[in-house]
């Protein structure tokens, strides 16, 4: 993944514009300039089965001078703003016009939010990346700052496969969610999984079929299709790519690994990312 900075559909929004305030310095290069804008939700609406009350604020992260990405990870310092979540506490977030058709998810912990978008094709247009909601009736966007921004593109996927290391000297071990076998579960793995589903016309893939066509669907360093089956259902679906994104977001918002793992397990339905398994060739 390219670290740019150090430092599914929803109902139509009903919003009234607030003055747009650009977040403080959020880019180090002349590309991928991020900004934050806010709009007040003028009437109650439902987004991803969660009610967003009138008077809440829709907060959008935008990108200009986009260098091109398939997937993104954005880390925000949110201050004391109360981010609206679903019944599991996962932030309600929707894609923007540069990420339409992508998976999008996020995790918030102690004022830090990590949001990932996972697509299947590279996009270099400028516009909005994603939108989330806060309960506060007003937002000064200068209080919300981007502390980190990473992108995944085709070169990152190829490079990850070339540079991947063996998880274990004994052939056959794999980590669930670590599709490229580089030792980490991150946005690259979610992207590879989402692209594999795209190769199957957007339909779920049985693990048996995926293993029979492993390097068509995945990359040269993939140990087995089971590494992409995050919920061990026997099928590879968008839910698995979403689980990988959630796992990565949890690991990125918690300094304690055990707390991050517990957060991930609390917010997924049967997710197994990070578990080490042995592949017996079937």
Foldseek 3Di string as FASTA:
>chain_A
DAWFFALADFDDFAWDADDFDFAPAAGDDPAWGKGKGKTFRQAWGATPNRIDHGLKMKMWIWTDNFPKFQKKKWKKQQDPFAWDDDPLRWFRKYAWPQQHPWDKTWDDDPRMMMIMTAHQAMGRDTTTGMITITRHNDDDRNNMHTRIMDGHDPVNLVVLLVPADAPDPDAFKDFAQPQSNNPDRESSSLNLLCNLCVVVVVDKAFQVRCQVVVCVSGNPRGRGSRSQVFQPPRIHHNLSSVLSHQLRNLPVNDPDNVSSVVSSVSRHDRGRGGDMDGGPSD
